[in-house]
């Protein structure tokens, strides 16, 4: 009887003790299965105990059993920074991902405007995450696992970040999601000092859309980088179909202006930022 009573006493604070132990080791996240395995709690008991922890623990998504450990200084934001736990989140999901677009550009010091959400590219649609003041938006890309990625220097935790060259290509692919091709070109200009020829060739090889490579070549030409244009052109076929610069904003019928025979890009967007 005494043995059973002591087990019950230990079980009452099992979730809190587990969280404290994780936090003491520098962890900022855990999954429900990890909690159950470590404490022996039932799913119902574990959920009840977590609910009583209040702001100390927050669920990343109402549909996922992935939890964040919130320190007092992180409460104003709602949880630890996204780049501290997004890799673990996707590992728990068993899915490929990388942080990209303006979020990646910002990590490379190339974002001129504040990014309202962390932009993550993955292989299938997902609902945005809203955790306190933090926002995570998802974009879908079929060959996400083939995109070249890098680990940021001095990162707090493992995270997959698209390389500067792959980021530039994605900025054009998803220009309609970041404010248009002008903003994409502005970010690409800032990324250029970080370009490396070998990495550029790798990113171009992984790019599955010829039309996006054409747009990329045109933008690099406007940014006055003939050396990079030559590398891009090597990846293109000799015969090229016309493509719109802004693929989600076609010109009115009968109004066509071709940038050049070299890229076969129809100008229907404003590139004044890169002029």
C-alpha atoms as a PDB file:
ATOM      1  CA  UNK A   1       0.000   0.000   0.000  1.00  0.00           C
ATOM      2  CA  UNK A   2       2.817   2.390   0.900  1.00  0.00           C
ATOM      3  CA  UNK A   3       4.553   1.474  -2.373  1.00  0.00           C
ATOM      4  CA  UNK A   4       1.468   2.349  -4.432  1.00  0.00           C
ATOM      5  CA  UNK A   5       1.043   5.643  -2.569  1.00  0.00           C
ATOM      6  CA  UNK A   6       4.623   6.709  -3.272  1.00  0.00           C
ATOM      7  CA  UNK A   7       4.158   5.938  -6.973  1.00  0.00           C
ATOM      8  CA  UNK A   8       1.069   8.144  -7.048  1.00  0.00           C
ATOM      9  CA  UNK A   9       2.943  10.996  -5.370  1.00  0.00           C
ATOM     10  CA  UNK A  10       5.704  10.777  -7.941  1.00  0.00           C
ATOM     11  CA  UNK A  11       3.156  10.648 -10.781  1.00  0.00           C
ATOM     12  CA  UNK A  12       1.426  13.844  -9.661  1.00  0.00           C
ATOM     13  CA  UNK A  13       4.414  16.057 -10.554  1.00  0.00           C
ATOM     14  CA  UNK A  14       5.889  13.796 -13.233  1.00  0.00           C
ATOM     15  CA  UNK A  15       5.260  16.160 -16.173  1.00  0.00           C
ATOM     16  CA  UNK A  16       6.667  19.172 -14.311  1.00  0.00           C
ATOM     17  CA  UNK A  17       9.772  17.208 -13.308  1.00  0.00           C
ATOM     18  CA  UNK A  18      10.234  16.008 -16.889  1.00  0.00           C
ATOM     19  CA  UNK A  19       9.980  19.555 -18.248  1.00  0.00           C
ATOM     20  CA  UNK A  20      12.439  20.876 -15.666  1.00  0.00           C
ATOM     21  CA  UNK A  21      14.904  18.118 -16.505  1.00  0.00           C
ATOM     22  CA  UNK A  22      14.636  18.831 -20.252  1.00  0.00           C
ATOM     23  CA  UNK A  23      15.099  22.546 -19.672  1.00  0.00           C
ATOM     24  CA  UNK A  24      18.146  22.000 -17.431  1.00  0.00           C
ATOM     25  CA  UNK A  25      19.780  20.190 -20.355  1.00  0.00           C
ATOM     26  CA  UNK A  26      19.131  23.097 -22.725  1.00  0.00           C
ATOM     27  CA  UNK A  27      16.181  21.508 -24.553  1.00  0.00           C
ATOM     28  CA  UNK A  28      13.300  23.771 -25.589  1.00  0.00           C
ATOM     29  CA  UNK A  29      10.911  21.117 -26.937  1.00  0.00           C
ATOM     30  CA  UNK A  30       9.561  17.612 -26.456  1.00  0.00           C
ATOM     31  CA  UNK A  31       6.901  15.305 -27.857  1.00  0.00           C
ATOM     32  CA  UNK A  32       4.086  13.619 -25.991  1.00  0.00           C
ATOM     33  CA  UNK A  33       5.533  10.125 -26.677  1.00  0.00           C
ATOM     34  CA  UNK A  34       8.814  11.254 -25.081  1.00  0.00           C
ATOM     35  CA  UNK A  35       6.939  12.413 -22.000  1.00  0.00           C
ATOM     36  CA  UNK A  36       4.941   9.193 -21.738  1.00  0.00           C
ATOM     37  CA  UNK A  37       8.032   7.029 -22.103  1.00  0.00           C
ATOM     38  CA  UNK A  38       9.995   8.955 -19.476  1.00  0.00           C
ATOM     39  CA  UNK A  39       7.217   9.182 -16.868  1.00  0.00           C
ATOM     40  CA  UNK A  40       4.955   6.202 -17.420  1.00  0.00           C
ATOM     41  CA  UNK A  41       1.927   8.511 -17.385  1.00  0.00           C
ATOM     42  CA  UNK A  42      -1.181   7.737 -19.392  1.00  0.00           C
ATOM     43  CA  UNK A  43      -1.988  10.069 -22.279  1.00  0.00           C
ATOM     44  CA  UNK A  44      -4.913  11.583 -20.361  1.00  0.00           C
ATOM     45  CA  UNK A  45      -2.868  12.120 -17.191  1.00  0.00           C
ATOM     46  CA  UNK A  46       0.002  13.653 -19.168  1.00  0.00           C
ATOM     47  CA  UNK A  47      -2.296  16.110 -20.949  1.00  0.00           C
ATOM     48  CA  UNK A  48      -3.921  17.115 -17.670  1.00  0.00           C
ATOM     49  CA  UNK A  49      -0.556  17.729 -16.020  1.00  0.00           C
ATOM     50  CA  UNK A  50       0.719  19.748 -18.961  1.00  0.00           C
ATOM     51  CA  UNK A  51      -2.404  21.896 -18.864  1.00  0.00           C
ATOM     52  CA  UNK A  52      -1.668  22.756 -15.227  1.00  0.00           C
ATOM     53  CA  UNK A  53       1.818  24.008 -16.146  1.00  0.00           C
ATOM     54  CA  UNK A  54       0.279  27.108 -17.704  1.00  0.00           C
ATOM     55  CA  UNK A  55       2.651  29.330 -19.671  1.00  0.00           C
ATOM     56  CA  UNK A  56       5.637  27.091 -18.978  1.00  0.00           C
ATOM     57  CA  UNK A  57       4.629  24.770 -21.825  1.00  0.00           C
ATOM     58  CA  UNK A  58       2.876  25.583 -25.096  1.00  0.00           C
ATOM     59  CA  UNK A  59       1.704  23.293 -27.866  1.00  0.00           C
ATOM     60  CA  UNK A  60       3.191  24.169 -31.252  1.00  0.00           C
ATOM     61  CA  UNK A  61       0.004  23.168 -33.076  1.00  0.00           C
ATOM     62  CA  UNK A  62      -3.454  22.112 -31.870  1.00  0.00           C
ATOM     63  CA  UNK A  63      -3.132  19.053 -34.113  1.00  0.00           C
ATOM     64  CA  UNK A  64       0.381  17.961 -33.125  1.00  0.00           C
ATOM     65  CA  UNK A  65       1.751  16.501 -29.889  1.00  0.00           C
ATOM     66  CA  UNK A  66       4.859  18.675 -30.087  1.00  0.00           C
ATOM     67  CA  UNK A  67       5.422  21.020 -27.144  1.00  0.00           C
ATOM     68  CA  UNK A  68       7.676  24.002 -26.496  1.00  0.00           C
ATOM     69  CA  UNK A  69       9.238  24.835 -23.143  1.00  0.00           C
ATOM     70  CA  UNK A  70       8.870  28.554 -22.459  1.00  0.00           C
ATOM     71  CA  UNK A  71      11.334  30.360 -20.206  1.00  0.00           C
ATOM     72  CA  UNK A  72      10.193  33.540 -18.385  1.00  0.00           C
ATOM     73  CA  UNK A  73      12.101  35.827 -20.767  1.00  0.00           C
ATOM     74  CA  UNK A  74      10.436  34.161 -23.772  1.00  0.00           C
ATOM     75  CA  UNK A  75       6.861  34.644 -22.559  1.00  0.00           C
ATOM     76  CA  UNK A  76       6.337  38.006 -24.341  1.00  0.00           C
ATOM     77  CA  UNK A  77       6.948  36.238 -27.689  1.00  0.00           C
ATOM     78  CA  UNK A  78       5.022  33.131 -26.690  1.00  0.00           C
ATOM     79  CA  UNK A  79       7.881  30.641 -26.885  1.00  0.00           C
ATOM     80  CA  UNK A  80      11.495  30.041 -27.917  1.00  0.00           C
ATOM     81  CA  UNK A  81      12.628  31.342 -31.333  1.00  0.00           C
ATOM     82  CA  UNK A  82      11.396  29.272 -34.268  1.00  0.00           C
ATOM     83  CA  UNK A  83      14.895  28.400 -35.507  1.00  0.00           C
ATOM     84  CA  UNK A  84      15.604  26.753 -32.143  1.00  0.00           C
ATOM     85  CA  UNK A  85      12.980  24.021 -32.640  1.00  0.00           C
ATOM     86  CA  UNK A  86      11.757  23.873 -36.262  1.00  0.00           C
ATOM     87  CA  UNK A  87      14.223  21.100 -37.169  1.00  0.00           C
ATOM     88  CA  UNK A  88      13.000  18.916 -34.287  1.00  0.00           C
ATOM     89  CA  UNK A  89       9.396  19.673 -35.262  1.00  0.00           C
ATOM     90  CA  UNK A  90       9.903  18.333 -38.771  1.00  0.00           C
ATOM     91  CA  UNK A  91      11.915  15.350 -37.569  1.00  0.00           C
ATOM     92  CA  UNK A  92       8.968  14.445 -35.343  1.00  0.00           C
ATOM     93  CA  UNK A  93       6.759  14.758 -38.424  1.00  0.00           C
ATOM     94  CA  UNK A  94       9.112  12.703 -40.582  1.00  0.00           C
ATOM     95  CA  UNK A  95       9.047  15.350 -43.303  1.00  0.00           C
ATOM     96  CA  UNK A  96      11.599  17.284 -45.335  1.00  0.00           C
ATOM     97  CA  UNK A  97      11.833  21.057 -44.949  1.00  0.00           C
ATOM     98  CA  UNK A  98      14.112  24.064 -45.007  1.00  0.00           C
ATOM     99  CA  UNK A  99      13.875  27.668 -43.867  1.00  0.00           C
ATOM    100  CA  UNK A 100      13.914  29.795 -47.002  1.00  0.00           C
ATOM    101  CA  UNK A 101      12.950  32.954 -48.876  1.00  0.00           C
ATOM    102  CA  UNK A 102      13.144  36.207 -46.869  1.00  0.00           C
ATOM    103  CA  UNK A 103      13.728  34.297 -43.631  1.00  0.00           C
ATOM    104  CA  UNK A 104      16.841  32.683 -45.097  1.00  0.00           C
ATOM    105  CA  UNK A 105      17.909  35.979 -46.644  1.00  0.00           C
ATOM    106  CA  UNK A 106      17.640  37.623 -43.221  1.00  0.00           C
ATOM    107  CA  UNK A 107      19.930  34.968 -41.729  1.00  0.00           C
ATOM    108  CA  UNK A 108      22.464  35.880 -44.422  1.00  0.00           C
ATOM    109  CA  UNK A 109      22.085  39.556 -43.565  1.00  0.00           C
ATOM    110  CA  UNK A 110      20.281  40.306 -46.812  1.00  0.00           C
ATOM    111  CA  UNK A 111      16.759  41.285 -45.709  1.00  0.00           C
ATOM    112  CA  UNK A 112      16.060  45.033 -45.810  1.00  0.00           C
ATOM    113  CA  UNK A 113      12.558  44.785 -44.405  1.00  0.00           C
ATOM    114  CA  UNK A 114      11.190  43.044 -41.342  1.00  0.00           C
ATOM    115  CA  UNK A 115       9.855  39.547 -42.032  1.00  0.00           C
ATOM    116  CA  UNK A 116       6.497  39.052 -40.333  1.00  0.00           C
ATOM    117  CA  UNK A 117       6.729  35.269 -40.325  1.00  0.00           C
ATOM    118  CA  UNK A 118       9.328  32.534 -40.603  1.00  0.00           C
ATOM    119  CA  UNK A 119       9.005  31.153 -44.132  1.00  0.00           C
ATOM    120  CA  UNK A 120       9.465  27.390 -44.351  1.00  0.00           C
ATOM    121  CA  UNK A 121       9.421  25.297 -47.528  1.00  0.00           C
ATOM    122  CA  UNK A 122       8.174  21.725 -47.225  1.00  0.00           C
ATOM    123  CA  UNK A 123       6.843  18.909 -49.395  1.00  0.00           C
ATOM    124  CA  UNK A 124       3.112  19.117 -48.722  1.00  0.00           C
ATOM    125  CA  UNK A 125       0.564  21.726 -47.608  1.00  0.00           C
ATOM    126  CA  UNK A 126       0.438  22.621 -43.917  1.00  0.00           C
ATOM    127  CA  UNK A 127      -1.536  25.103 -41.857  1.00  0.00           C
ATOM    128  CA  UNK A 128       0.434  28.117 -40.569  1.00  0.00           C
ATOM    129  CA  UNK A 129       1.655  27.929 -36.995  1.00  0.00           C
ATOM    130  CA  UNK A 130       0.696  30.752 -34.627  1.00  0.00           C
ATOM    131  CA  UNK A 131       2.425  30.666 -31.267  1.00  0.00           C
ATOM    132  CA  UNK A 132       2.029  33.877 -29.285  1.00  0.00           C
ATOM    133  CA  UNK A 133       3.548  36.591 -31.447  1.00  0.00           C
ATOM    134  CA  UNK A 134       5.457  34.094 -33.611  1.00  0.00           C
ATOM    135  CA  UNK A 135       4.225  33.043 -37.047  1.00  0.00           C
ATOM    136  CA  UNK A 136       5.446  30.212 -39.269  1.00  0.00           C
ATOM    137  CA  UNK A 137       4.185  30.110 -42.860  1.00  0.00           C
ATOM    138  CA  UNK A 138       4.621  27.104 -45.147  1.00  0.00           C
ATOM    139  CA  UNK A 139       5.213  26.920 -48.888  1.00  0.00           C
ATOM    140  CA  UNK A 140       5.090  23.726 -50.916  1.00  0.00           C
ATOM    141  CA  UNK A 141       7.831  22.505 -53.226  1.00  0.00           C
ATOM    142  CA  UNK A 142       7.898  19.082 -54.847  1.00  0.00           C
ATOM    143  CA  UNK A 143      11.670  18.521 -54.785  1.00  0.00           C
ATOM    144  CA  UNK A 144      12.310  20.129 -51.408  1.00  0.00           C
ATOM    145  CA  UNK A 145      14.724  17.374 -50.355  1.00  0.00           C
ATOM    146  CA  UNK A 146      16.999  18.144 -53.340  1.00  0.00           C
ATOM    147  CA  UNK A 147      17.378  21.854 -52.597  1.00  0.00           C
ATOM    148  CA  UNK A 148      20.887  22.710 -51.329  1.00  0.00           C
ATOM    149  CA  UNK A 149      20.885  23.708 -47.668  1.00  0.00           C
ATOM    150  CA  UNK A 150      23.388  24.950 -45.101  1.00  0.00           C
ATOM    151  CA  UNK A 151      23.696  25.072 -41.326  1.00  0.00           C
ATOM    152  CA  UNK A 152      23.986  28.683 -40.090  1.00  0.00           C
ATOM    153  CA  UNK A 153      27.155  29.513 -38.223  1.00  0.00           C
ATOM    154  CA  UNK A 154      26.738  29.648 -34.438  1.00  0.00           C
ATOM    155  CA  UNK A 155      23.144  28.408 -34.647  1.00  0.00           C
ATOM    156  CA  UNK A 156      21.506  27.566 -31.317  1.00  0.00           C
ATOM    157  CA  UNK A 157      20.180  24.270 -32.732  1.00  0.00           C
ATOM    158  CA  UNK A 158      20.348  22.281 -35.965  1.00  0.00           C
ATOM    159  CA  UNK A 159      18.348  23.943 -38.744  1.00  0.00           C
ATOM    160  CA  UNK A 160      18.180  23.525 -42.514  1.00  0.00           C
ATOM    161  CA  UNK A 161      18.622  26.859 -44.308  1.00  0.00           C
ATOM    162  CA  UNK A 162      18.555  27.135 -48.091  1.00  0.00           C
ATOM    163  CA  UNK A 163      21.918  28.281 -49.477  1.00  0.00           C
ATOM    164  CA  UNK A 164      22.139  31.890 -50.734  1.00  0.00           C
ATOM    165  CA  UNK A 165      21.931  30.698 -54.342  1.00  0.00           C
ATOM    166  CA  UNK A 166      18.956  28.388 -53.718  1.00  0.00           C
ATOM    167  CA  UNK A 167      17.315  31.167 -51.708  1.00  0.00           C
ATOM    168  CA  UNK A 168      17.625  33.526 -54.674  1.00  0.00           C
ATOM    169  CA  UNK A 169      15.888  31.059 -56.992  1.00  0.00           C
ATOM    170  CA  UNK A 170      13.088  30.533 -54.482  1.00  0.00           C
ATOM    171  CA  UNK A 171      12.614  34.274 -54.068  1.00  0.00           C
ATOM    172  CA  UNK A 172      11.645  34.422 -57.744  1.00  0.00           C
ATOM    173  CA  UNK A 173       9.611  31.205 -57.653  1.00  0.00           C
ATOM    174  CA  UNK A 174       7.479  32.564 -54.799  1.00  0.00           C
ATOM    175  CA  UNK A 175       7.720  36.284 -55.629  1.00  0.00           C
ATOM    176  CA  UNK A 176       3.933  36.587 -55.378  1.00  0.00           C
ATOM    177  CA  UNK A 177       4.152  35.509 -51.718  1.00  0.00           C
ATOM    178  CA  UNK A 178       6.720  38.126 -50.672  1.00  0.00           C
ATOM    179  CA  UNK A 179       5.473  41.301 -52.320  1.00  0.00           C
ATOM    180  CA  UNK A 180       6.399  40.896 -55.966  1.00  0.00           C
ATOM    181  CA  UNK A 181       9.410  40.456 -58.197  1.00  0.00           C
ATOM    182  CA  UNK A 182      10.811  43.866 -57.238  1.00  0.00           C
ATOM    183  CA  UNK A 183      11.203  42.832 -53.622  1.00  0.00           C
ATOM    184  CA  UNK A 184      12.678  39.511 -54.727  1.00  0.00           C
ATOM    185  CA  UNK A 185      15.266  41.309 -56.878  1.00  0.00           C
ATOM    186  CA  UNK A 186      16.137  43.617 -53.991  1.00  0.00           C
ATOM    187  CA  UNK A 187      16.847  40.631 -51.721  1.00  0.00           C
ATOM    188  CA  UNK A 188      18.807  38.844 -54.459  1.00  0.00           C
ATOM    189  CA  UNK A 189      21.018  41.910 -54.907  1.00  0.00           C
ATOM    190  CA  UNK A 190      21.884  41.771 -51.202  1.00  0.00           C
ATOM    191  CA  UNK A 191      22.613  38.041 -51.411  1.00  0.00           C
ATOM    192  CA  UNK A 192      25.051  38.323 -54.338  1.00  0.00           C
ATOM    193  CA  UNK A 193      28.194  38.880 -52.203  1.00  0.00           C
ATOM    194  CA  UNK A 194      27.581  35.447 -50.666  1.00  0.00           C
ATOM    195  CA  UNK A 195      27.266  33.630 -54.006  1.00  0.00           C
ATOM    196  CA  UNK A 196      29.835  30.968 -54.848  1.00  0.00           C
ATOM    197  CA  UNK A 197      30.171  29.510 -58.338  1.00  0.00           C
ATOM    198  CA  UNK A 198      30.102  25.889 -57.193  1.00  0.00           C
ATOM    199  CA  UNK A 199      27.047  26.508 -55.006  1.00  0.00           C
ATOM    200  CA  UNK A 200      25.303  28.335 -57.837  1.00  0.00           C
ATOM    201  CA  UNK A 201      25.801  25.397 -60.171  1.00  0.00           C
ATOM    202  CA  UNK A 202      24.440  23.076 -57.481  1.00  0.00           C
ATOM    203  CA  UNK A 203      21.342  25.226 -56.939  1.00  0.00           C
ATOM    204  CA  UNK A 204      20.695  25.471 -60.680  1.00  0.00           C
ATOM    205  CA  UNK A 205      21.011  21.713 -61.042  1.00  0.00           C
ATOM    206  CA  UNK A 206      18.404  21.224 -58.329  1.00  0.00           C
ATOM    207  CA  UNK A 207      16.002  23.756 -59.885  1.00  0.00           C
ATOM    208  CA  UNK A 208      13.268  21.836 -61.709  1.00  0.00           C
ATOM    209  CA  UNK A 209      11.540  24.767 -63.447  1.00  0.00           C
ATOM    210  CA  UNK A 210      13.242  26.054 -66.581  1.00  0.00           C
ATOM    211  CA  UNK A 211      10.978  29.117 -66.507  1.00  0.00           C
ATOM    212  CA  UNK A 212      12.339  30.099 -63.101  1.00  0.00           C
ATOM    213  CA  UNK A 213      15.913  29.795 -64.344  1.00  0.00           C
ATOM    214  CA  UNK A 214      15.015  32.126 -67.218  1.00  0.00           C
ATOM    215  CA  UNK A 215      13.658  34.709 -64.783  1.00  0.00           C
ATOM    216  CA  UNK A 216      16.762  34.309 -62.647  1.00  0.00           C
ATOM    217  CA  UNK A 217      19.023  34.965 -65.626  1.00  0.00           C
ATOM    218  CA  UNK A 218      17.074  38.083 -66.547  1.00  0.00           C
ATOM    219  CA  UNK A 219      17.252  39.474 -63.001  1.00  0.00           C
ATOM    220  CA  UNK A 220      20.995  38.793 -62.789  1.00  0.00           C
ATOM    221  CA  UNK A 221      21.448  40.616 -66.088  1.00  0.00           C
ATOM    222  CA  UNK A 222      19.572  43.614 -64.678  1.00  0.00           C
ATOM    223  CA  UNK A 223      21.774  43.418 -61.602  1.00  0.00           C
ATOM    224  CA  UNK A 224      24.797  43.634 -63.938  1.00  0.00           C
ATOM    225  CA  UNK A 225      26.345  40.263 -63.169  1.00  0.00           C
ATOM    226  CA  UNK A 226      27.352  38.926 -66.606  1.00  0.00           C
ATOM    227  CA  UNK A 227      29.659  36.366 -64.979  1.00  0.00           C
ATOM    228  CA  UNK A 228      26.727  34.734 -63.211  1.00  0.00           C
ATOM    229  CA  UNK A 229      24.483  35.093 -66.255  1.00  0.00           C
ATOM    230  CA  UNK A 230      26.873  32.915 -68.237  1.00  0.00           C
ATOM    231  CA  UNK A 231      26.609  30.136 -65.649  1.00  0.00           C
ATOM    232  CA  UNK A 232      22.814  30.380 -65.630  1.00  0.00           C
ATOM    233  CA  UNK A 233      22.650  30.263 -69.419  1.00  0.00           C
ATOM    234  CA  UNK A 234      24.588  26.992 -69.454  1.00  0.00           C
ATOM    235  CA  UNK A 235      21.651  25.391 -67.597  1.00  0.00           C
ATOM    236  CA  UNK A 236      19.068  26.523 -70.174  1.00  0.00           C
ATOM    237  CA  UNK A 237      18.039  24.804 -73.418  1.00  0.00           C
ATOM    238  CA  UNK A 238      18.837  26.529 -76.700  1.00  0.00           C
ATOM    239  CA  UNK A 239      15.138  26.906 -77.521  1.00  0.00           C
ATOM    240  CA  UNK A 240      13.155  28.687 -74.792  1.00  0.00           C
ATOM    241  CA  UNK A 241       9.456  29.280 -74.398  1.00  0.00           C
ATOM    242  CA  UNK A 242       8.241  32.728 -73.426  1.00  0.00           C
ATOM    243  CA  UNK A 243       7.647  33.136 -69.693  1.00  0.00           C
ATOM    244  CA  UNK A 244       6.207  35.977 -67.628  1.00  0.00           C
ATOM    245  CA  UNK A 245       8.506  37.744 -65.189  1.00  0.00           C
ATOM    246  CA  UNK A 246       5.602  37.833 -62.713  1.00  0.00           C
ATOM    247  CA  UNK A 247       4.086  34.402 -63.284  1.00  0.00           C
ATOM    248  CA  UNK A 248       0.906  35.198 -61.339  1.00  0.00           C
ATOM    249  CA  UNK A 249       0.276  38.537 -63.059  1.00  0.00           C
ATOM    250  CA  UNK A 250      -0.020  38.131 -66.849  1.00  0.00           C
ATOM    251  CA  UNK A 251      -0.199  41.096 -69.187  1.00  0.00           C
ATOM    252  CA  UNK A 252      -3.479  42.054 -70.872  1.00  0.00           C
ATOM    253  CA  UNK A 253      -4.026  40.238 -74.163  1.00  0.00           C
ATOM    254  CA  UNK A 254      -2.142  41.809 -77.031  1.00  0.00           C
ATOM    255  CA  UNK A 255       0.320  43.660 -74.794  1.00  0.00           C
ATOM    256  CA  UNK A 256       3.620  41.811 -74.973  1.00  0.00           C
ATOM    257  CA  UNK A 257       7.109  43.141 -74.419  1.00  0.00           C
ATOM    258  CA  UNK A 258      10.027  40.717 -74.570  1.00  0.00           C
ATOM    259  CA  UNK A 259      13.012  41.626 -72.431  1.00  0.00           C
ATOM    260  CA  UNK A 260      15.528  40.042 -74.742  1.00  0.00           C
ATOM    261  CA  UNK A 261      15.924  37.029 -76.975  1.00  0.00           C
ATOM    262  CA  UNK A 262      18.492  35.779 -74.518  1.00  0.00           C
ATOM    263  CA  UNK A 263      16.027  35.003 -71.680  1.00  0.00           C
ATOM    264  CA  UNK A 264      12.623  35.079 -73.440  1.00  0.00           C
ATOM    265  CA  UNK A 265      11.034  36.821 -70.462  1.00  0.00           C
ATOM    266  CA  UNK A 266       7.868  38.884 -70.853  1.00  0.00           C
ATOM    267  CA  UNK A 267       8.105  42.002 -68.692  1.00  0.00           C
ATOM    268  CA  UNK A 268       4.969  42.325 -66.586  1.00  0.00           C
ATOM    269  CA  UNK A 269       6.512  43.355 -63.266  1.00  0.00           C
ATOM    270  CA  UNK A 270       8.377  46.300 -61.791  1.00  0.00           C
ATOM    271  CA  UNK A 271      12.108  45.839 -61.309  1.00  0.00           C
ATOM    272  CA  UNK A 272      12.883  49.437 -60.379  1.00  0.00           C
ATOM    273  CA  UNK A 273      14.593  48.248 -57.183  1.00  0.00           C
ATOM    274  CA  UNK A 274      17.191  46.487 -59.293  1.00  0.00           C
ATOM    275  CA  UNK A 275      17.645  49.107 -61.986  1.00  0.00           C
END
